[in-house]
Protein backbone atom coordinates (compact mmCIF):
# COMPACT_ATOMS: atom_id res chain seq x y z
CA MET A 1 25.43 -13.34 25.47
CA LYS A 2 27.68 -15.48 27.52
CA PRO A 3 31.51 -14.72 27.10
CA LYS A 4 33.43 -17.46 25.24
CA LEU A 5 36.38 -18.98 27.09
CA LEU A 6 39.21 -20.47 25.01
CA THR A 7 42.04 -22.77 26.05
CA ALA A 8 45.68 -21.67 25.22
CA VAL A 9 45.60 -23.89 22.16
CA GLU A 10 42.45 -22.38 20.76
CA ALA A 11 43.68 -18.93 21.51
CA ALA A 12 46.95 -19.62 19.77
CA ASN A 13 44.97 -20.99 16.58
CA LEU A 14 42.82 -18.05 16.62
CA LYS A 15 45.66 -15.55 16.58
CA GLY A 16 48.09 -17.61 14.42
CA VAL A 17 50.82 -17.81 17.12
CA SER A 18 52.38 -20.61 19.15
CA ARG A 19 50.79 -21.78 22.41
CA GLU A 20 54.10 -20.75 24.07
CA ALA A 21 53.38 -17.20 22.84
CA ILE A 22 49.98 -17.33 24.64
CA TYR A 23 51.50 -18.66 27.93
CA GLY A 24 54.25 -15.98 27.62
CA ALA A 25 51.77 -13.07 27.30
CA ILE A 26 49.75 -14.55 30.29
CA ARG A 27 52.96 -14.94 32.30
CA GLU A 28 53.99 -11.30 31.46
CA GLY A 29 50.43 -9.83 32.26
CA ARG A 30 49.69 -8.80 28.78
CA LEU A 31 46.84 -11.27 28.31
CA PRO A 32 44.28 -11.58 31.13
CA HIS A 33 43.40 -15.18 32.06
CA ARG A 34 41.23 -17.19 34.45
CA LYS A 35 41.69 -20.77 35.78
CA VAL A 36 38.71 -23.06 35.12
CA LEU A 37 38.94 -26.57 36.68
CA GLY A 38 42.63 -25.95 37.15
CA ARG A 39 43.42 -25.14 33.40
CA ILE A 40 44.18 -21.74 31.99
CA ALA A 41 41.27 -20.08 30.01
CA VAL A 42 41.18 -16.65 28.18
CA LEU A 43 38.21 -14.78 27.05
CA GLU A 44 37.88 -14.70 23.19
CA ALA A 45 37.34 -10.83 23.27
CA ASP A 46 40.75 -10.53 25.20
CA VAL A 47 42.56 -12.71 22.71
CA LEU A 48 41.20 -10.76 19.78
CA ALA A 49 42.16 -7.39 21.55
CA TRP A 50 45.73 -8.65 22.27
CA THR A 51 48.45 -7.86 19.95
CA PRO A 52 51.34 -10.25 20.11
CA THR A 53 54.74 -8.77 20.17
CA PRO A 54 57.09 -10.04 17.54
CA TYR A 55 59.91 -12.32 18.47
CA ALA A 56 63.13 -10.38 18.52
CA GLY A 57 65.43 -13.21 19.28
CA ARG A 58 69.06 -12.76 20.23
CA ARG A 59 70.87 -10.10 18.37
CA LYS A 60 73.27 -11.30 15.82
CA GLY A 61 76.77 -11.11 17.14
CA SER A 62 75.70 -10.69 20.79
CA ARG A 63 77.47 -12.79 23.37
CA LEU A 64 75.78 -15.81 25.09
CA SER A 65 75.57 -15.62 28.84
CA GLU A 66 77.52 -18.12 30.89
CA GLU A 67 74.23 -19.74 32.01
CA THR A 68 73.12 -20.13 28.47
CA LYS A 69 76.41 -21.56 27.41
CA ALA A 70 76.21 -24.06 30.21
CA LYS A 71 72.77 -25.36 28.73
CA ILE A 72 74.15 -25.89 25.26
CA SER A 73 74.66 -29.60 24.50
CA ALA A 74 78.00 -31.06 24.04
CA SER A 75 77.48 -32.00 20.41
CA GLN A 76 76.75 -28.27 19.67
CA LYS A 77 79.93 -27.28 21.51
CA ARG A 78 81.84 -29.79 19.36
CA ARG A 79 80.33 -28.35 16.08
CA TRP A 80 81.34 -24.80 17.24
CA GLN A 81 84.82 -25.85 18.05
CA GLN A 82 85.09 -27.47 14.55
CA ARG A 83 83.92 -24.32 12.77
CA LYS A 84 86.59 -22.37 14.68
CA VAL A 85 89.30 -24.79 13.58
CA ASP A 86 88.11 -25.40 10.04
CA PRO A 87 87.32 -21.98 8.42
CA SER A 88 85.99 -23.84 5.31
CA THR A 89 82.66 -24.70 6.99
């Protein structure tokens, strides 16, 4: 029986995760992959054996790095400043 290759989108649909989660697992070496005609492909058996790690996100109350702060849009910064000034919101 020939092994079935899946695209990142097909693998994401099979596991019920985002396409970015598949690419992240590939980038971190947790999900083996192959390149077929310049595109990433994963074996169906590897996807079924892979267990996605839950997204932990940023801990509540933890400080943002200066690099992250620089990426935040100006409108978001204005909203933060308004919240600091106006405690009712």
